[in-house]
Amino acid sequence: MIRGWTAVIVFTTLAVVMMVGLNVRMWRRMKAATAAAKAEAEREEREAVETGQNPTPRSA
């Protein structure tokens, strides 16, 4: 059985590893969602130009 400071170090290390993994997963999801939104906006803008409609202005 792990006792004392060794247990503190082990459990803290495990918690840090889990939090880093969670943050990486969330960052990848956010990155994918942002890319999908940009692609959809570009597609809508392209369709508006092709049909002769005025594309909606978007902020930079």
N, C-alpha and C. Protein backbone atom coordinates (compact mmCIF):
# COMPACT_ATOMS: atom_id res chain seq x y z
N MET A 1 0.84 -1.19 0.00
CA MET A 1 0.00 0.00 0.00
C MET A 1 0.88 1.24 0.00
N ILE A 2 0.49 2.21 -0.81
CA ILE A 2 1.24 3.47 -0.90
C ILE A 2 0.80 4.38 0.24
N ARG A 3 1.78 4.97 0.94
CA ARG A 3 1.45 5.83 2.07
C ARG A 3 2.21 7.14 2.02
N GLY A 4 1.70 8.11 2.71
CA GLY A 4 2.41 9.37 2.91
C GLY A 4 2.58 10.19 1.65
N TRP A 5 3.77 10.80 1.55
CA TRP A 5 4.06 11.70 0.44
C TRP A 5 4.07 10.98 -0.90
N THR A 6 4.42 9.72 -0.89
CA THR A 6 4.41 8.96 -2.15
C THR A 6 2.99 8.92 -2.72
N ALA A 7 2.00 8.69 -1.86
CA ALA A 7 0.61 8.66 -2.31
C ALA A 7 0.18 10.02 -2.84
N VAL A 8 0.60 11.08 -2.16
CA VAL A 8 0.25 12.43 -2.61
C VAL A 8 0.81 12.69 -4.00
N ILE A 9 2.07 12.32 -4.20
CA ILE A 9 2.72 12.53 -5.50
C ILE A 9 2.04 11.70 -6.58
N VAL A 10 1.75 10.43 -6.29
CA VAL A 10 1.12 9.55 -7.27
C VAL A 10 -0.26 10.08 -7.66
N PHE A 11 -1.08 10.40 -6.68
CA PHE A 11 -2.44 10.86 -6.98
C PHE A 11 -2.45 12.22 -7.68
N THR A 12 -1.54 13.10 -7.28
CA THR A 12 -1.44 14.39 -7.94
C THR A 12 -1.02 14.22 -9.40
N THR A 13 -0.06 13.34 -9.64
CA THR A 13 0.39 13.08 -11.00
C THR A 13 -0.74 12.52 -11.84
N LEU A 14 -1.48 11.58 -11.30
CA LEU A 14 -2.62 11.02 -12.04
C LEU A 14 -3.66 12.09 -12.36
N ALA A 15 -3.94 12.96 -11.39
CA ALA A 15 -4.92 14.02 -11.62
C ALA A 15 -4.44 14.98 -12.71
N VAL A 16 -3.16 15.33 -12.69
CA VAL A 16 -2.62 16.23 -13.70
C VAL A 16 -2.69 15.60 -15.08
N VAL A 17 -2.34 14.32 -15.19
CA VAL A 17 -2.39 13.62 -16.48
C VAL A 17 -3.83 13.59 -17.00
N MET A 18 -4.78 13.31 -16.13
CA MET A 18 -6.18 13.27 -16.56
C MET A 18 -6.66 14.65 -17.01
N MET A 19 -6.28 15.70 -16.30
CA MET A 19 -6.71 17.05 -16.68
C MET A 19 -6.08 17.49 -18.00
N VAL A 20 -4.82 17.15 -18.22
CA VAL A 20 -4.17 17.48 -19.48
C VAL A 20 -4.87 16.75 -20.63
N GLY A 21 -5.17 15.48 -20.44
CA GLY A 21 -5.89 14.72 -21.46
C GLY A 21 -7.25 15.31 -21.77
N LEU A 22 -7.96 15.73 -20.74
CA LEU A 22 -9.28 16.35 -20.93
C LEU A 22 -9.15 17.66 -21.69
N ASN A 23 -8.17 18.48 -21.33
CA ASN A 23 -7.98 19.76 -22.02
C ASN A 23 -7.61 19.56 -23.48
N VAL A 24 -6.77 18.58 -23.78
CA VAL A 24 -6.39 18.31 -25.16
C VAL A 24 -7.62 17.88 -25.96
N ARG A 25 -8.43 17.02 -25.38
CA ARG A 25 -9.63 16.55 -26.07
C ARG A 25 -10.59 17.71 -26.34
N MET A 26 -10.77 18.58 -25.35
CA MET A 26 -11.67 19.73 -25.52
C MET A 26 -11.11 20.70 -26.56
N TRP A 27 -9.80 20.90 -26.58
CA TRP A 27 -9.18 21.80 -27.55
C TRP A 27 -9.37 21.26 -28.97
N ARG A 28 -9.20 19.96 -29.14
CA ARG A 28 -9.39 19.36 -30.47
C ARG A 28 -10.83 19.50 -30.93
N ARG A 29 -11.79 19.30 -30.02
CA ARG A 29 -13.20 19.47 -30.36
C ARG A 29 -13.50 20.90 -30.77
N MET A 30 -12.97 21.85 -30.02
CA MET A 30 -13.19 23.26 -30.31
C MET A 30 -12.59 23.62 -31.66
N LYS A 31 -11.40 23.12 -31.93
CA LYS A 31 -10.73 23.39 -33.20
C LYS A 31 -11.54 22.84 -34.37
N ALA A 32 -12.06 21.63 -34.23
CA ALA A 32 -12.87 21.02 -35.29
C ALA A 32 -14.17 21.80 -35.49
N ALA A 33 -14.80 22.23 -34.41
CA ALA A 33 -16.05 22.98 -34.53
C ALA A 33 -15.81 24.33 -35.20
N THR A 34 -14.69 24.98 -34.88
CA THR A 34 -14.37 26.26 -35.50
C THR A 34 -14.11 26.08 -36.99
N ALA A 35 -13.38 25.04 -37.36
CA ALA A 35 -13.11 24.79 -38.78
C ALA A 35 -14.40 24.50 -39.53
N ALA A 36 -15.30 23.74 -38.93
CA ALA A 36 -16.57 23.42 -39.58
C ALA A 36 -17.41 24.68 -39.76
N ALA A 37 -17.43 25.54 -38.77
CA ALA A 37 -18.20 26.79 -38.87
C ALA A 37 -17.64 27.70 -39.96
N LYS A 38 -16.32 27.78 -40.05
CA LYS A 38 -15.70 28.60 -41.09
C LYS A 38 -16.02 28.05 -42.47
N ALA A 39 -15.94 26.73 -42.63
CA ALA A 39 -16.24 26.12 -43.92
C ALA A 39 -17.69 26.37 -44.31
N GLU A 40 -18.60 26.27 -43.36
CA GLU A 40 -20.02 26.51 -43.66
C GLU A 40 -20.25 27.97 -44.04
N ALA A 41 -19.61 28.89 -43.35
CA ALA A 41 -19.77 30.31 -43.66
C ALA A 41 -19.23 30.62 -45.06
N GLU A 42 -18.10 30.04 -45.41
CA GLU A 42 -17.54 30.24 -46.74
C GLU A 42 -18.44 29.66 -47.82
N ARG A 43 -19.03 28.49 -47.54
CA ARG A 43 -19.93 27.86 -48.50
C ARG A 43 -21.17 28.73 -48.70
N GLU A 44 -21.74 29.24 -47.62
CA GLU A 44 -22.92 30.10 -47.73
C GLU A 44 -22.60 31.38 -48.48
N GLU A 45 -21.43 31.94 -48.23
CA GLU A 45 -21.03 33.16 -48.93
C GLU A 45 -20.85 32.90 -50.42
N ARG A 46 -20.23 31.78 -50.74
CA ARG A 46 -20.02 31.41 -52.14
C ARG A 46 -21.36 31.20 -52.85
N GLU A 47 -22.30 30.52 -52.19
CA GLU A 47 -23.62 30.30 -52.78
C GLU A 47 -24.35 31.62 -52.99
N ALA A 48 -24.21 32.55 -52.05
CA ALA A 48 -24.87 33.85 -52.19
C ALA A 48 -24.30 34.62 -53.37
N VAL A 49 -23.01 34.55 -53.57
CA VAL A 49 -22.38 35.24 -54.70
C VAL A 49 -22.82 34.60 -56.01
N GLU A 50 -22.88 33.28 -56.06
CA GLU A 50 -23.28 32.58 -57.28
C GLU A 50 -24.72 32.88 -57.67
N THR A 51 -25.59 33.04 -56.70
CA THR A 51 -27.00 33.31 -56.99
C THR A 51 -27.27 34.80 -57.15
N GLY A 52 -26.27 35.64 -56.95
CA GLY A 52 -26.42 37.07 -57.13
C GLY A 52 -26.98 37.79 -55.93
N GLN A 53 -27.08 37.12 -54.81
CA GLN A 53 -27.57 37.76 -53.60
C GLN A 53 -26.43 38.51 -52.93
N ASN A 54 -26.79 39.48 -52.12
CA ASN A 54 -25.78 40.23 -51.39
C ASN A 54 -25.33 39.40 -50.19
N PRO A 55 -24.05 38.99 -50.13
CA PRO A 55 -23.61 38.19 -48.98
C PRO A 55 -23.69 39.00 -47.69
N THR A 56 -24.01 38.32 -46.63
CA THR A 56 -24.13 39.00 -45.35
C THR A 56 -22.75 39.45 -44.88
N PRO A 57 -22.63 40.69 -44.43
CA PRO A 57 -21.32 41.15 -43.94
C PRO A 57 -20.97 40.45 -42.63
N ARG A 58 -19.72 40.16 -42.47
CA ARG A 58 -19.28 39.52 -41.23
C ARG A 58 -18.10 40.28 -40.68
N SER A 59 -17.96 40.24 -39.39
CA SER A 59 -16.87 40.96 -38.76
C SER A 59 -15.57 40.18 -38.89
N ALA A 60 -14.47 40.88 -38.80
CA ALA A 60 -13.16 40.24 -38.97
C ALA A 60 -12.75 39.44 -37.80
